[in-house]
Amino acid sequence: MNVLAISAHPDDETLGCGGTLLKHREAGDDIYWLIATQAYQPRWSSELVDLKAQEVSKVASEYGIKRKFELGFQATSLDNVMQDQLMVKIREVISEVAPESVYLVHGGDIHSDHQSVFSATTSVLKPFNMSKLGVRRVVSYECLSSTEGSPPFLASAFVPNIFNDITPYIDYKVRIMETYSTEIHSGAMPRTSSAIRALARFRGATVGVEYAEAFMLIRALE
């Protein structure tokens, strides 16, 4: 099975579906990774931009990514990009990969980059287009520091209805997240190893397993 993880930024995929991707890897599925944005100068130093690129390469290796697609848009600026531009790039990747399963950032996240990626992707994957593109299922994942940061309105709420048992993979997921030295938090912050474990434990307790990742089903073709 071809699987496509769509990130607005590197680390979204690990926070939201890292354990699930490891599970796909163990099952022998082909994993592809689309990253919409990247760090850029002068907002980030050249040294930091290089370090972030190295992190992406290391993480791709950990997941056994068959191919990564880096769209190259400027991070934190997708709301300044015309949606049709973003849609064209995303459609090209989906057409090439023909993924049966797509993992996508949540549309209600507080980060405007996440909102743009979700909107563009779901526009590409309208119901009448999914089968043409080989896509059978689209789900969105939650992302610590972005999903829970949204205002408490129904329109932005993350209400999971799919849970994936990642108990055998939680330690590996945390180690991969720690590869993102430029993104991992310390102390009482969202993107910490302890917070990642806590969320996975909570999601697991919801369905009677030790650790789980939660998803919202956007659409499935049976």
Foldseek 3Di string as FASTA:
>chain_A
DEEEEEEQAPPQCLLWCVLVLLVCVVVVYAYEYEHEEAADPPVPDPVVRVLRVVLVVVLCVLSVHPYYHYNHHHPLCCVVPDLVVVLVSVLVVLQVRLGQEYEAAACLWPRVSSVSNVVSVCVCPPPVCNVVSNYFWYKYTYGWPTLVPGPPDPVNHFDFDDKDDSVVCLVVSLVSLVSPVVPADDDPGGRHSVNSLVVQCVSCVVPPHRGIHTIHTPDGHD
